[in-house]
């Protein structure tokens, strides 16, 4: 797994964590339920980056699409940065 893909993975976990915190702030749930939500969400995100065709051949296609989408986004970012189309701050 490349460094940029790992950073995207961590970004997804961070967004999921913020969503969980916002959900917890609006409801009254217990700490154990928060931990279960975070672990389950992290496991789902982690599985999207793995080849799970040996476990479930039908799921590997749909879960592999997220990995392809991230690759496409990173490639498009590289192309635009080379062409100077990205805004500089």
PDB file of N, CA and C in Angstrom:
ATOM      1  N   UNK A   1       0.855  -1.177   0.000  1.00  0.00           N
ATOM      2  CA  UNK A   1       0.000   0.000   0.000  1.00  0.00           C
ATOM      3  C   UNK A   1       0.897   1.235   0.000  1.00  0.00           C
ATOM      4  N   UNK A   2       0.635   2.136  -0.918  1.00  0.00           N
ATOM      5  CA  UNK A   2       1.467   3.326  -1.019  1.00  0.00           C
ATOM      6  C   UNK A   2       1.143   4.312   0.099  1.00  0.00           C
ATOM      7  N   UNK A   3       2.018   5.287   0.252  1.00  0.00           N
ATOM      8  CA  UNK A   3       1.838   6.280   1.317  1.00  0.00           C
ATOM      9  C   UNK A   3       0.589   7.113   1.061  1.00  0.00           C
ATOM     10  N   UNK A   4       0.375   7.518  -0.187  1.00  0.00           N
ATOM     11  CA  UNK A   4      -0.801   8.344  -0.488  1.00  0.00           C
ATOM     12  C   UNK A   4      -2.088   7.562  -0.276  1.00  0.00           C
ATOM     13  N   UNK A   5      -2.084   6.292  -0.638  1.00  0.00           N
ATOM     14  CA  UNK A   5      -3.278   5.474  -0.421  1.00  0.00           C
ATOM     15  C   UNK A   5      -3.524   5.287   1.070  1.00  0.00           C
ATOM     16  N   UNK A   6      -2.454   5.142   1.843  1.00  0.00           N
ATOM     17  CA  UNK A   6      -2.592   5.035   3.294  1.00  0.00           C
ATOM     18  C   UNK A   6      -3.157   6.322   3.874  1.00  0.00           C
ATOM     19  N   UNK A   7      -2.706   7.467   3.355  1.00  0.00           N
ATOM     20  CA  UNK A   7      -3.249   8.745   3.817  1.00  0.00           C
ATOM     21  C   UNK A   7      -4.733   8.878   3.476  1.00  0.00           C
ATOM     22  N   UNK A   8      -5.135   8.399   2.308  1.00  0.00           N
ATOM     23  CA  UNK A   8      -6.558   8.421   1.962  1.00  0.00           C
ATOM     24  C   UNK A   8      -7.346   7.527   2.913  1.00  0.00           C
ATOM     25  N   UNK A   9      -6.781   6.384   3.254  1.00  0.00           N
ATOM     26  CA  UNK A   9      -7.409   5.471   4.210  1.00  0.00           C
ATOM     27  C   UNK A   9      -7.579   6.159   5.558  1.00  0.00           C
ATOM     28  N   UNK A  10      -6.546   6.850   6.021  1.00  0.00           N
ATOM     29  CA  UNK A  10      -6.630   7.562   7.299  1.00  0.00           C
ATOM     30  C   UNK A  10      -7.625   8.714   7.228  1.00  0.00           C
ATOM     31  N   UNK A  11      -7.714   9.368   6.080  1.00  0.00           N
ATOM     32  CA  UNK A  11      -8.694  10.437   5.909  1.00  0.00           C
ATOM     33  C   UNK A  11     -10.116   9.898   6.011  1.00  0.00           C
ATOM     34  N   UNK A  12     -10.360   8.738   5.414  1.00  0.00           N
ATOM     35  CA  UNK A  12     -11.685   8.130   5.517  1.00  0.00           C
ATOM     36  C   UNK A  12     -12.023   7.785   6.963  1.00  0.00           C
ATOM     37  N   UNK A  13     -11.046   7.269   7.705  1.00  0.00           N
ATOM     38  CA  UNK A  13     -11.278   6.947   9.114  1.00  0.00           C
ATOM     39  C   UNK A  13     -11.533   8.220   9.909  1.00  0.00           C
ATOM     40  N   UNK A  14     -10.804   9.292   9.604  1.00  0.00           N
ATOM     41  CA  UNK A  14     -11.012  10.552  10.315  1.00  0.00           C
ATOM     42  C   UNK A  14     -12.413  11.102  10.045  1.00  0.00           C
ATOM     43  N   UNK A  15     -12.860  11.030   8.794  1.00  0.00           N
ATOM     44  CA  UNK A  15     -14.208  11.502   8.483  1.00  0.00           C
ATOM     45  C   UNK A  15     -15.255  10.652   9.189  1.00  0.00           C
ATOM     46  N   UNK A  16     -15.023   9.342   9.229  1.00  0.00           N
ATOM     47  CA  UNK A  16     -15.956   8.463   9.917  1.00  0.00           C
ATOM     48  C   UNK A  16     -15.984   8.770  11.412  1.00  0.00           C
ATOM     49  N   UNK A  17     -14.821   9.074  11.985  1.00  0.00           N
ATOM     50  CA  UNK A  17     -14.752   9.404  13.406  1.00  0.00           C
ATOM     51  C   UNK A  17     -15.505  10.694  13.699  1.00  0.00           C
ATOM     52  N   UNK A  18     -15.330  11.706  12.854  1.00  0.00           N
ATOM     53  CA  UNK A  18     -16.060  12.961  13.045  1.00  0.00           C
ATOM     54  C   UNK A  18     -17.566  12.761  12.910  1.00  0.00           C
ATOM     55  N   UNK A  19     -17.966  11.911  11.975  1.00  0.00           N
ATOM     56  CA  UNK A  19     -19.390  11.609  11.835  1.00  0.00           C
ATOM     57  C   UNK A  19     -19.923  10.922  13.076  1.00  0.00           C
ATOM     58  N   UNK A  20     -19.136  10.002  13.625  1.00  0.00           N
ATOM     59  CA  UNK A  20     -19.542   9.309  14.849  1.00  0.00           C
ATOM     60  C   UNK A  20     -19.659  10.281  16.011  1.00  0.00           C
ATOM     61  N   UNK A  21     -18.701  11.200  16.121  1.00  0.00           N
ATOM     62  CA  UNK A  21     -18.742  12.190  17.207  1.00  0.00           C
ATOM     63  C   UNK A  21     -19.982  13.074  17.068  1.00  0.00           C
ATOM     64  N   UNK A  22     -20.296  13.483  15.840  1.00  0.00           N
ATOM     65  CA  UNK A  22     -21.493  14.305  15.632  1.00  0.00           C
ATOM     66  C   UNK A  22     -22.755  13.527  15.977  1.00  0.00           C
ATOM     67  N   UNK A  23     -22.767  12.246  15.633  1.00  0.00           N
ATOM     68  CA  UNK A  23     -23.925  11.410  15.960  1.00  0.00           C
ATOM     69  C   UNK A  23     -24.068  11.257  17.468  1.00  0.00           C
ATOM     70  N   UNK A  24     -22.941  11.050  18.145  1.00  0.00           N
ATOM     71  CA  UNK A  24     -22.966  10.890  19.600  1.00  0.00           C
ATOM     72  C   UNK A  24     -23.428  12.176  20.268  1.00  0.00           C
ATOM     73  N   UNK A  25     -23.020  13.312  19.729  1.00  0.00           N
ATOM     74  CA  UNK A  25     -23.414  14.589  20.318  1.00  0.00           C
ATOM     75  C   UNK A  25     -24.920  14.817  20.213  1.00  0.00           C
ATOM     76  N   UNK A  26     -25.541  14.248  19.193  1.00  0.00           N
ATOM     77  CA  UNK A  26     -26.974  14.458  19.010  1.00  0.00           C
ATOM     78  C   UNK A  26     -27.828  13.395  19.691  1.00  0.00           C
ATOM     79  N   UNK A  27     -27.212  12.315  20.143  1.00  0.00           N
ATOM     80  CA  UNK A  27     -27.964  11.245  20.803  1.00  0.00           C
ATOM     81  C   UNK A  27     -27.273  10.857  22.095  1.00  0.00           C
ATOM     82  N   UNK A  28     -27.919  10.022  22.846  1.00  0.00           N
ATOM     83  CA  UNK A  28     -27.345   9.526  24.100  1.00  0.00           C
ATOM     84  C   UNK A  28     -27.039   8.036  23.931  1.00  0.00           C
ATOM     85  N   UNK A  29     -25.805   7.723  23.546  1.00  0.00           N
ATOM     86  CA  UNK A  29     -25.417   6.322  23.449  1.00  0.00           C
ATOM     87  C   UNK A  29     -24.192   6.091  24.309  1.00  0.00           C
ATOM     88  N   UNK A  30     -23.884   4.844  24.543  1.00  0.00           N
ATOM     89  CA  UNK A  30     -22.813   4.477  25.465  1.00  0.00           C
ATOM     90  C   UNK A  30     -21.467   4.389  24.746  1.00  0.00           C
ATOM     91  N   UNK A  31     -20.405   4.427  25.504  1.00  0.00           N
ATOM     92  CA  UNK A  31     -19.045   4.374  24.964  1.00  0.00           C
ATOM     93  C   UNK A  31     -18.789   3.074  24.209  1.00  0.00           C
ATOM     94  N   UNK A  32     -19.329   1.972  24.688  1.00  0.00           N
ATOM     95  CA  UNK A  32     -19.127   0.682  24.020  1.00  0.00           C
ATOM     96  C   UNK A  32     -19.716   0.719  22.614  1.00  0.00           C
ATOM     97  N   UNK A  33     -20.864   1.339  22.460  1.00  0.00           N
ATOM     98  CA  UNK A  33     -21.477   1.435  21.139  1.00  0.00           C
ATOM     99  C   UNK A  33     -20.645   2.302  20.201  1.00  0.00           C
ATOM    100  N   UNK A  34     -20.039   3.348  20.725  1.00  0.00           N
ATOM    101  CA  UNK A  34     -19.159   4.197  19.914  1.00  0.00           C
ATOM    102  C   UNK A  34     -17.971   3.384  19.413  1.00  0.00           C
ATOM    103  N   UNK A  35     -17.360   2.628  20.303  1.00  0.00           N
ATOM    104  CA  UNK A  35     -16.195   1.816  19.931  1.00  0.00           C
ATOM    105  C   UNK A  35     -16.582   0.778  18.887  1.00  0.00           C
ATOM    106  N   UNK A  36     -17.730   0.136  19.063  1.00  0.00           N
ATOM    107  CA  UNK A  36     -18.181  -0.861  18.087  1.00  0.00           C
ATOM    108  C   UNK A  36     -18.390  -0.208  16.721  1.00  0.00           C
ATOM    109  N   UNK A  37     -18.994   0.983  16.696  1.00  0.00           N
ATOM    110  CA  UNK A  37     -19.210   1.678  15.424  1.00  0.00           C
ATOM    111  C   UNK A  37     -17.885   2.010  14.745  1.00  0.00           C
ATOM    112  N   UNK A  38     -16.916   2.503  15.500  1.00  0.00           N
ATOM    113  CA  UNK A  38     -15.625   2.869  14.912  1.00  0.00           C
ATOM    114  C   UNK A  38     -14.864   1.645  14.415  1.00  0.00           C
ATOM    115  N   UNK A  39     -14.870   0.570  15.192  1.00  0.00           N
ATOM    116  CA  UNK A  39     -14.157  -0.646  14.786  1.00  0.00           C
ATOM    117  C   UNK A  39     -14.807  -1.250  13.547  1.00  0.00           C
ATOM    118  N   UNK A  40     -16.129  -1.324  13.535  1.00  0.00           N
ATOM    119  CA  UNK A  40     -16.823  -1.889  12.377  1.00  0.00           C
ATOM    120  C   UNK A  40     -16.581  -1.039  11.129  1.00  0.00           C
ATOM    121  N   UNK A  41     -16.657   0.277  11.266  1.00  0.00           N
ATOM    122  CA  UNK A  41     -16.410   1.152  10.124  1.00  0.00           C
ATOM    123  C   UNK A  41     -14.983   1.061   9.619  1.00  0.00           C
ATOM    124  N   UNK A  42     -14.022   0.988  10.540  1.00  0.00           N
ATOM    125  CA  UNK A  42     -12.619   0.857  10.141  1.00  0.00           C
ATOM    126  C   UNK A  42     -12.379  -0.463   9.428  1.00  0.00           C
ATOM    127  N   UNK A  43     -13.027  -1.518   9.899  1.00  0.00           N
ATOM    128  CA  UNK A  43     -12.879  -2.822   9.259  1.00  0.00           C
ATOM    129  C   UNK A  43     -13.438  -2.800   7.842  1.00  0.00           C
ATOM    130  N   UNK A  44     -14.581  -2.162   7.661  1.00  0.00           N
ATOM    131  CA  UNK A  44     -15.170  -2.067   6.323  1.00  0.00           C
ATOM    132  C   UNK A  44     -14.257  -1.280   5.393  1.00  0.00           C
ATOM    133  N   UNK A  45     -13.735  -0.156   5.867  1.00  0.00           N
ATOM    134  CA  UNK A  45     -12.835   0.646   5.038  1.00  0.00           C
ATOM    135  C   UNK A  45     -11.562  -0.132   4.725  1.00  0.00           C
ATOM    136  N   UNK A  46     -11.014  -0.831   5.716  1.00  0.00           N
ATOM    137  CA  UNK A  46      -9.798  -1.609   5.485  1.00  0.00           C
ATOM    138  C   UNK A  46     -10.047  -2.698   4.449  1.00  0.00           C
ATOM    139  N   UNK A  47     -11.200  -3.343   4.512  1.00  0.00           N
ATOM    140  CA  UNK A  47     -11.494  -4.426   3.578  1.00  0.00           C
ATOM    141  C   UNK A  47     -11.620  -3.915   2.145  1.00  0.00           C
ATOM    142  N   UNK A  48     -11.995  -2.654   1.962  1.00  0.00           N
ATOM    143  CA  UNK A  48     -12.109  -2.125   0.606  1.00  0.00           C
ATOM    144  C   UNK A  48     -10.754  -2.032  -0.075  1.00  0.00           C
ATOM    145  N   UNK A  49      -9.687  -1.959   0.703  1.00  0.00           N
ATOM    146  CA  UNK A  49      -8.351  -1.841   0.131  1.00  0.00           C
ATOM    147  C   UNK A  49      -7.669  -3.193  -0.030  1.00  0.00           C
ATOM    148  N   UNK A  50      -8.338  -4.252   0.329  1.00  0.00           N
ATOM    149  CA  UNK A  50      -7.739  -5.575   0.266  1.00  0.00           C
ATOM    150  C   UNK A  50      -8.395  -6.383  -0.854  1.00  0.00           C
ATOM    151  N   UNK A  51      -7.712  -7.405  -1.274  1.00  0.00           N
ATOM    152  CA  UNK A  51      -8.273  -8.314  -2.264  1.00  0.00           C
ATOM    153  C   UNK A  51      -9.006  -9.410  -1.512  1.00  0.00           C
ATOM    154  N   UNK A  52     -10.328  -9.344  -1.496  1.00  0.00           N
ATOM    155  CA  UNK A  52     -11.096 -10.320  -0.738  1.00  0.00           C
ATOM    156  C   UNK A  52     -11.796 -11.310  -1.661  1.00  0.00           C
ATOM    157  N   UNK A  53     -11.277 -11.479  -2.866  1.00  0.00           N
ATOM    158  CA  UNK A  53     -11.921 -12.386  -3.805  1.00  0.00           C
ATOM    159  C   UNK A  53     -11.905 -13.820  -3.300  1.00  0.00           C
ATOM    160  N   UNK A  54     -10.928 -14.159  -2.457  1.00  0.00           N
ATOM    161  CA  UNK A  54     -10.889 -15.518  -1.929  1.00  0.00           C
ATOM    162  C   UNK A  54     -11.997 -15.742  -0.901  1.00  0.00           C
ATOM    163  N   UNK A  55     -12.499 -14.672  -0.286  1.00  0.00           N
ATOM    164  CA  UNK A  55     -13.560 -14.805   0.712  1.00  0.00           C
ATOM    165  C   UNK A  55     -14.924 -14.752   0.037  1.00  0.00           C
ATOM    166  N   UNK A  56     -15.118 -13.741  -0.780  1.00  0.00           N
ATOM    167  CA  UNK A  56     -16.424 -13.552  -1.427  1.00  0.00           C
ATOM    168  C   UNK A  56     -16.180 -12.964  -2.810  1.00  0.00           C
ATOM    169  N   UNK A  57     -16.354 -13.781  -3.825  1.00  0.00           N
ATOM    170  CA  UNK A  57     -16.010 -13.336  -5.176  1.00  0.00           C
ATOM    171  C   UNK A  57     -16.949 -12.242  -5.678  1.00  0.00           C
ATOM    172  N   UNK A  58     -18.201 -12.218  -5.227  1.00  0.00           N
ATOM    173  CA  UNK A  58     -19.121 -11.183  -5.703  1.00  0.00           C
ATOM    174  C   UNK A  58     -18.837  -9.842  -5.051  1.00  0.00           C
ATOM    175  N   UNK A  59     -18.348  -9.838  -3.817  1.00  0.00           N
ATOM    176  CA  UNK A  59     -18.079  -8.579  -3.125  1.00  0.00           C
ATOM    177  C   UNK A  59     -16.780  -7.941  -3.584  1.00  0.00           C
ATOM    178  N   UNK A  60     -15.859  -8.743  -4.102  1.00  0.00           N
ATOM    179  CA  UNK A  60     -14.553  -8.180  -4.455  1.00  0.00           C
ATOM    180  C   UNK A  60     -14.663  -7.156  -5.571  1.00  0.00           C
ATOM    181  N   UNK A  61     -15.619  -7.336  -6.482  1.00  0.00           N
ATOM    182  CA  UNK A  61     -15.767  -6.373  -7.567  1.00  0.00           C
ATOM    183  C   UNK A  61     -16.248  -5.024  -7.087  1.00  0.00           C
ATOM    184  N   UNK A  62     -17.268  -5.021  -6.254  1.00  0.00           N
ATOM    185  CA  UNK A  62     -17.817  -3.746  -5.797  1.00  0.00           C
ATOM    186  C   UNK A  62     -16.882  -3.056  -4.826  1.00  0.00           C
ATOM    187  N   UNK A  63     -16.206  -3.816  -3.966  1.00  0.00           N
ATOM    188  CA  UNK A  63     -15.292  -3.200  -3.015  1.00  0.00           C
ATOM    189  C   UNK A  63     -14.004  -2.762  -3.688  1.00  0.00           C
ATOM    190  N   UNK A  64     -13.623  -3.417  -4.750  1.00  0.00           N
ATOM    191  CA  UNK A  64     -12.429  -3.017  -5.478  1.00  0.00           C
ATOM    192  C   UNK A  64     -12.614  -1.714  -6.227  1.00  0.00           C
ATOM    193  N   UNK A  65     -13.873  -1.342  -6.486  1.00  0.00           N
ATOM    194  CA  UNK A  65     -14.136  -0.098  -7.204  1.00  0.00           C
ATOM    195  C   UNK A  65     -13.692   1.125  -6.409  1.00  0.00           C
ATOM    196  N   UNK A  66     -13.787   1.080  -5.082  1.00  0.00           N
ATOM    197  CA  UNK A  66     -13.343   2.211  -4.269  1.00  0.00           C
ATOM    198  C   UNK A  66     -11.845   2.420  -4.431  1.00  0.00           C
ATOM    199  N   UNK A  67     -11.099   1.335  -4.460  1.00  0.00           N
ATOM    200  CA  UNK A  67      -9.657   1.428  -4.655  1.00  0.00           C
ATOM    201  C   UNK A  67      -9.343   2.034  -6.019  1.00  0.00           C
ATOM    202  N   UNK A  68     -10.094   1.627  -7.051  1.00  0.00           N
ATOM    203  CA  UNK A  68      -9.904   2.197  -8.385  1.00  0.00           C
ATOM    204  C   UNK A  68     -10.261   3.677  -8.415  1.00  0.00           C
ATOM    205  N   UNK A  69     -11.334   4.056  -7.713  1.00  0.00           N
ATOM    206  CA  UNK A  69     -11.724   5.467  -7.679  1.00  0.00           C
ATOM    207  C   UNK A  69     -10.647   6.316  -7.022  1.00  0.00           C
ATOM    208  N   UNK A  70     -10.051   5.823  -5.943  1.00  0.00           N
ATOM    209  CA  UNK A  70      -8.993   6.576  -5.272  1.00  0.00           C
ATOM    210  C   UNK A  70      -7.788   6.715  -6.190  1.00  0.00           C
ATOM    211  N   UNK A  71      -7.438   5.641  -6.906  1.00  0.00           N
ATOM    212  CA  UNK A  71      -6.336   5.724  -7.868  1.00  0.00           C
ATOM    213  C   UNK A  71      -6.633   6.760  -8.949  1.00  0.00           C
ATOM    214  N   UNK A  72      -7.866   6.762  -9.467  1.00  0.00           N
ATOM    215  CA  UNK A  72      -8.241   7.735 -10.499  1.00  0.00           C
ATOM    216  C   UNK A  72      -8.158   9.163  -9.977  1.00  0.00           C
ATOM    217  N   UNK A  73      -8.634   9.388  -8.748  1.00  0.00           N
ATOM    218  CA  UNK A  73      -8.560  10.732  -8.169  1.00  0.00           C
ATOM    219  C   UNK A  73      -7.116  11.185  -8.002  1.00  0.00           C
ATOM    220  N   UNK A  74      -6.257  10.291  -7.524  1.00  0.00           N
ATOM    221  CA  UNK A  74      -4.852  10.657  -7.342  1.00  0.00           C
ATOM    222  C   UNK A  74      -4.175  10.922  -8.678  1.00  0.00           C
ATOM    223  N   UNK A  75      -4.498  10.125  -9.704  1.00  0.00           N
ATOM    224  CA  UNK A  75      -3.918  10.343 -11.031  1.00  0.00           C
ATOM    225  C   UNK A  75      -4.392  11.662 -11.630  1.00  0.00           C
ATOM    226  N   UNK A  76      -5.689  11.973 -11.462  1.00  0.00           N
ATOM    227  CA  UNK A  76      -6.202  13.242 -11.979  1.00  0.00           C
ATOM    228  C   UNK A  76      -5.557  14.420 -11.257  1.00  0.00           C
ATOM    229  N   UNK A  77      -5.352  14.287  -9.954  1.00  0.00           N
ATOM    230  CA  UNK A  77      -4.679  15.344  -9.198  1.00  0.00           C
ATOM    231  C   UNK A  77      -3.265  15.551  -9.725  1.00  0.00           C
ATOM    232  N   UNK A  78      -2.551  14.444  -9.982  1.00  0.00           N
ATOM    233  CA  UNK A  78      -1.193  14.554 -10.518  1.00  0.00           C
ATOM    234  C   UNK A  78      -1.187  15.250 -11.872  1.00  0.00           C
ATOM    235  N   UNK A  79      -2.125  14.880 -12.754  1.00  0.00           N
ATOM    236  CA  UNK A  79      -2.184  15.493 -14.080  1.00  0.00           C
ATOM    237  C   UNK A  79      -2.474  16.991 -13.991  1.00  0.00           C
ATOM    238  N   UNK A  80      -3.414  17.360 -13.141  1.00  0.00           N
ATOM    239  CA  UNK A  80      -3.759  18.779 -13.021  1.00  0.00           C
ATOM    240  C   UNK A  80      -2.632  19.577 -12.385  1.00  0.00           C
ATOM    241  N   UNK A  81      -1.921  18.973 -11.451  1.00  0.00           N
ATOM    242  CA  UNK A  81      -0.819  19.710 -10.832  1.00  0.00           C
ATOM    243  C   UNK A  81       0.331  19.885 -11.820  1.00  0.00           C
ATOM    244  N   UNK A  82       0.537  18.919 -12.699  1.00  0.00           N
ATOM    245  CA  UNK A  82       1.580  19.048 -13.718  1.00  0.00           C
ATOM    246  C   UNK A  82       1.197  20.136 -14.720  1.00  0.00           C
ATOM    247  N   UNK A  83      -0.084  20.191 -15.089  1.00  0.00           N
ATOM    248  CA  UNK A  83      -0.557  21.181 -16.064  1.00  0.00           C
ATOM    249  C   UNK A  83      -0.763  22.557 -15.456  1.00  0.00           C
ATOM    250  N   UNK A  84      -0.616  22.689 -14.160  1.00  0.00           N
ATOM    251  CA  UNK A  84      -0.778  23.977 -13.508  1.00  0.00           C
ATOM    252  C   UNK A  84      -2.220  24.423 -13.357  1.00  0.00           C
ATOM    253  N   UNK A  85      -3.161  23.479 -13.397  1.00  0.00           N
ATOM    254  CA  UNK A  85      -4.573  23.832 -13.306  1.00  0.00           C
ATOM    255  C   UNK A  85      -5.046  23.990 -11.865  1.00  0.00           C
ATOM    256  N   UNK A  86      -4.281  23.527 -10.904  1.00  0.00           N
ATOM    257  CA  UNK A  86      -4.695  23.620  -9.505  1.00  0.00           C
ATOM    258  C   UNK A  86      -4.407  25.008  -8.964  1.00  0.00           C
ATOM    259  N   UNK A  87      -5.263  25.461  -8.079  1.00  0.00           N
ATOM    260  CA  UNK A  87      -5.073  26.779  -7.480  1.00  0.00           C
ATOM    261  C   UNK A  87      -3.943  26.734  -6.463  1.00  0.00           C
ATOM    262  N   UNK A  88      -3.133  27.729  -6.471  1.00  0.00           N
ATOM    263  CA  UNK A  88      -2.048  27.839  -5.493  1.00  0.00           C
ATOM    264  C   UNK A  88      -2.506  28.713  -4.349  1.00  0.00           C
ATOM    265  N   UNK A  89      -2.175  28.342  -3.140  1.00  0.00           N
ATOM    266  CA  UNK A  89      -2.564  29.132  -1.964  1.00  0.00           C
ATOM    267  C   UNK A  89      -1.376  29.940  -1.504  1.00  0.00           C
TER     268      UNK A  89
END
